[in-house]
Amino acid sequence: MVFAFIFRSDRPACIRYIREHGEQAFAEEMTKRKCQTIKRK
């Protein structure tokens, strides 16, 4: 995926996190990490 390549994000991990913890928790976690997405390892 171009998005994942450019932003070095792990989109499936983001979606999993949202499903497990909810959108609010995801937004709070990303704010705490100072990023918009979960970074790929």
PDB file of N, CA and C in Angstrom:
ATOM      1  N   MET A   1       0.828  -1.192   0.000  1.00  0.00           N
ATOM      2  CA  MET A   1       0.000   0.000   0.000  1.00  0.00           C
ATOM      3  C   MET A   1       0.870   1.253   0.000  1.00  0.00           C
ATOM      4  N   VAL A   2       0.528   2.188  -0.799  1.00  0.00           N
ATOM      5  CA  VAL A   2       1.275   3.439  -0.875  1.00  0.00           C
ATOM      6  C   VAL A   2       1.188   4.188   0.455  1.00  0.00           C
ATOM      7  N   PHE A   3      -0.004   4.252   1.042  1.00  0.00           N
ATOM      8  CA  PHE A   3      -0.194   4.951   2.322  1.00  0.00           C
ATOM      9  C   PHE A   3       0.749   4.397   3.384  1.00  0.00           C
ATOM     10  N   ALA A   4       0.763   3.092   3.538  1.00  0.00           N
ATOM     11  CA  ALA A   4       1.614   2.459   4.551  1.00  0.00           C
ATOM     12  C   ALA A   4       3.088   2.717   4.264  1.00  0.00           C
ATOM     13  N   PHE A   5       3.460   2.696   3.008  1.00  0.00           N
ATOM     14  CA  PHE A   5       4.857   2.928   2.645  1.00  0.00           C
ATOM     15  C   PHE A   5       5.285   4.355   2.969  1.00  0.00           C
ATOM     16  N   ILE A   6       4.475   5.316   2.566  1.00  0.00           N
ATOM     17  CA  ILE A   6       4.819   6.725   2.769  1.00  0.00           C
ATOM     18  C   ILE A   6       4.830   7.088   4.254  1.00  0.00           C
ATOM     19  N   PHE A   7       3.817   6.662   4.971  1.00  0.00           N
ATOM     20  CA  PHE A   7       3.691   7.061   6.378  1.00  0.00           C
ATOM     21  C   PHE A   7       4.291   6.047   7.342  1.00  0.00           C
ATOM     22  N   ARG A   8       4.831   4.946   6.794  1.00  0.00           N
ATOM     23  CA  ARG A   8       5.407   3.887   7.624  1.00  0.00           C
ATOM     24  C   ARG A   8       4.447   3.459   8.726  1.00  0.00           C
ATOM     25  N   SER A   9       3.182   3.318   8.363  1.00  0.00           N
ATOM     26  CA  SER A   9       2.176   2.974   9.350  1.00  0.00           C
ATOM     27  C   SER A   9       1.748   1.515   9.200  1.00  0.00           C
ATOM     28  N   ASP A  10       1.248   0.991  10.274  1.00  0.00           N
ATOM     29  CA  ASP A  10       0.717  -0.364  10.276  1.00  0.00           C
ATOM     30  C   ASP A  10      -0.800  -0.244  10.373  1.00  0.00           C
ATOM     31  N   ARG A  11      -1.417  -0.054   9.220  1.00  0.00           N
ATOM     32  CA  ARG A  11      -2.864   0.192   9.178  1.00  0.00           C
ATOM     33  C   ARG A  11      -3.673  -0.942   9.818  1.00  0.00           C
ATOM     34  N   PRO A  12      -3.369  -2.211   9.552  1.00  0.00           N
ATOM     35  CA  PRO A  12      -4.125  -3.275  10.214  1.00  0.00           C
ATOM     36  C   PRO A  12      -4.033  -3.194  11.740  1.00  0.00           C
ATOM     37  N   ALA A  13      -2.876  -2.812  12.254  1.00  0.00           N
ATOM     38  CA  ALA A  13      -2.722  -2.676  13.707  1.00  0.00           C
ATOM     39  C   ALA A  13      -3.589  -1.535  14.230  1.00  0.00           C
ATOM     40  N   CYS A  14      -3.683  -0.455  13.477  1.00  0.00           N
ATOM     41  CA  CYS A  14      -4.533   0.671  13.870  1.00  0.00           C
ATOM     42  C   CYS A  14      -5.994   0.228  13.942  1.00  0.00           C
ATOM     43  N   ILE A  15      -6.435  -0.468  12.921  1.00  0.00           N
ATOM     44  CA  ILE A  15      -7.824  -0.932  12.872  1.00  0.00           C
ATOM     45  C   ILE A  15      -8.102  -1.894  14.016  1.00  0.00           C
ATOM     46  N   ARG A  16      -7.166  -2.810  14.273  1.00  0.00           N
ATOM     47  CA  ARG A  16      -7.311  -3.749  15.390  1.00  0.00           C
ATOM     48  C   ARG A  16      -7.426  -3.012  16.719  1.00  0.00           C
ATOM     49  N   TYR A  17      -6.576  -2.009  16.910  1.00  0.00           N
ATOM     50  CA  TYR A  17      -6.585  -1.233  18.158  1.00  0.00           C
ATOM     51  C   TYR A  17      -7.937  -0.550  18.336  1.00  0.00           C
ATOM     52  N   ILE A  18      -8.456   0.049  17.280  1.00  0.00           N
ATOM     53  CA  ILE A  18      -9.751   0.731  17.343  1.00  0.00           C
ATOM     54  C   ILE A  18     -10.859  -0.266  17.668  1.00  0.00           C
ATOM     55  N   ARG A  19     -10.842  -1.426  17.036  1.00  0.00           N
ATOM     56  CA  ARG A  19     -11.867  -2.445  17.307  1.00  0.00           C
ATOM     57  C   ARG A  19     -11.818  -2.930  18.755  1.00  0.00           C
ATOM     58  N   GLU A  20     -10.619  -3.085  19.285  1.00  0.00           N
ATOM     59  CA  GLU A  20     -10.454  -3.619  20.635  1.00  0.00           C
ATOM     60  C   GLU A  20     -10.688  -2.570  21.721  1.00  0.00           C
ATOM     61  N   HIS A  21     -10.286  -1.314  21.454  1.00  0.00           N
ATOM     62  CA  HIS A  21     -10.306  -0.300  22.504  1.00  0.00           C
ATOM     63  C   HIS A  21     -11.245   0.870  22.229  1.00  0.00           C
ATOM     64  N   GLY A  22     -11.695   1.016  20.986  1.00  0.00           N
ATOM     65  CA  GLY A  22     -12.591   2.119  20.633  1.00  0.00           C
ATOM     66  C   GLY A  22     -11.849   3.307  20.051  1.00  0.00           C
ATOM     67  N   GLU A  23     -12.607   4.137  19.357  1.00  0.00           N
ATOM     68  CA  GLU A  23     -12.027   5.299  18.676  1.00  0.00           C
ATOM     69  C   GLU A  23     -11.433   6.308  19.649  1.00  0.00           C
ATOM     70  N   GLN A  24     -12.105   6.542  20.764  1.00  0.00           N
ATOM     71  CA  GLN A  24     -11.626   7.523  21.732  1.00  0.00           C
ATOM     72  C   GLN A  24     -10.273   7.098  22.308  1.00  0.00           C
ATOM     73  N   ALA A  25     -10.154   5.833  22.669  1.00  0.00           N
ATOM     74  CA  ALA A  25      -8.895   5.321  23.215  1.00  0.00           C
ATOM     75  C   ALA A  25      -7.781   5.417  22.174  1.00  0.00           C
ATOM     76  N   PHE A  26      -8.106   5.129  20.913  1.00  0.00           N
ATOM     77  CA  PHE A  26      -7.117   5.232  19.838  1.00  0.00           C
ATOM     78  C   PHE A  26      -6.642   6.678  19.706  1.00  0.00           C
ATOM     79  N   ALA A  27      -7.582   7.622  19.696  1.00  0.00           N
ATOM     80  CA  ALA A  27      -7.229   9.033  19.563  1.00  0.00           C
ATOM     81  C   ALA A  27      -6.347   9.484  20.726  1.00  0.00           C
ATOM     82  N   GLU A  28      -6.688   9.044  21.929  1.00  0.00           N
ATOM     83  CA  GLU A  28      -5.890   9.412  23.100  1.00  0.00           C
ATOM     84  C   GLU A  28      -4.485   8.817  23.028  1.00  0.00           C
ATOM     85  N   GLU A  29      -4.394   7.567  22.588  1.00  0.00           N
ATOM     86  CA  GLU A  29      -3.090   6.906  22.459  1.00  0.00           C
ATOM     87  C   GLU A  29      -2.229   7.606  21.417  1.00  0.00           C
ATOM     88  N   MET A  30      -2.815   7.971  20.288  1.00  0.00           N
ATOM     89  CA  MET A  30      -2.060   8.635  19.234  1.00  0.00           C
ATOM     90  C   MET A  30      -1.630  10.036  19.684  1.00  0.00           C
ATOM     91  N   THR A  31      -2.459  10.708  20.471  1.00  0.00           N
ATOM     92  CA  THR A  31      -2.087  12.014  21.015  1.00  0.00           C
ATOM     93  C   THR A  31      -0.905  11.853  21.960  1.00  0.00           C
ATOM     94  N   LYS A  32      -0.967  10.824  22.789  1.00  0.00           N
ATOM     95  CA  LYS A  32       0.119  10.566  23.739  1.00  0.00           C
ATOM     96  C   LYS A  32       1.418  10.256  22.992  1.00  0.00           C
ATOM     97  N   ARG A  33       1.315   9.510  21.895  1.00  0.00           N
ATOM     98  CA  ARG A  33       2.504   9.162  21.099  1.00  0.00           C
ATOM     99  C   ARG A  33       2.940  10.298  20.181  1.00  0.00           C
ATOM    100  N   LYS A  34       2.108  11.317  20.068  1.00  0.00           N
ATOM    101  CA  LYS A  34       2.350  12.452  19.166  1.00  0.00           C
ATOM    102  C   LYS A  34       2.490  12.002  17.719  1.00  0.00           C
ATOM    103  N   CYS A  35       1.578  11.142  17.308  1.00  0.00           N
ATOM    104  CA  CYS A  35       1.544  10.694  15.908  1.00  0.00           C
ATOM    105  C   CYS A  35       0.100  10.412  15.520  1.00  0.00           C
ATOM    106  N   GLN A  36      -0.114  10.144  14.253  1.00  0.00           N
ATOM    107  CA  GLN A  36      -1.463   9.917  13.752  1.00  0.00           C
ATOM    108  C   GLN A  36      -1.763   8.443  13.536  1.00  0.00           C
ATOM    109  N   THR A  37      -0.774   7.616  13.674  1.00  0.00           N
ATOM    110  CA  THR A  37      -0.968   6.201  13.381  1.00  0.00           C
ATOM    111  C   THR A  37       0.057   5.362  14.140  1.00  0.00           C
ATOM    112  N   ILE A  38      -0.154   4.084  14.152  1.00  0.00           N
ATOM    113  CA  ILE A  38       0.788   3.170  14.769  1.00  0.00           C
ATOM    114  C   ILE A  38       1.911   2.903  13.776  1.00  0.00           C
ATOM    115  N   LYS A  39       3.139   3.121  14.195  1.00  0.00           N
ATOM    116  CA  LYS A  39       4.278   2.949  13.297  1.00  0.00           C
ATOM    117  C   LYS A  39       4.604   1.473  13.083  1.00  0.00           C
ATOM    118  N   ARG A  40       5.052   1.163  11.876  1.00  0.00           N
ATOM    119  CA  ARG A  40       5.493  -0.184  11.565  1.00  0.00           C
ATOM    120  C   ARG A  40       6.820  -0.441  12.258  1.00  0.00           C
ATOM    121  N   LYS A  41       7.059  -1.675  12.592  1.00  0.00           N
ATOM    122  CA  LYS A  41       8.313  -2.030  13.264  1.00  0.00           C
ATOM    123  C   LYS A  41       9.317  -2.556  12.290  1.00  0.00           C
TER     124      LYS A  41
END
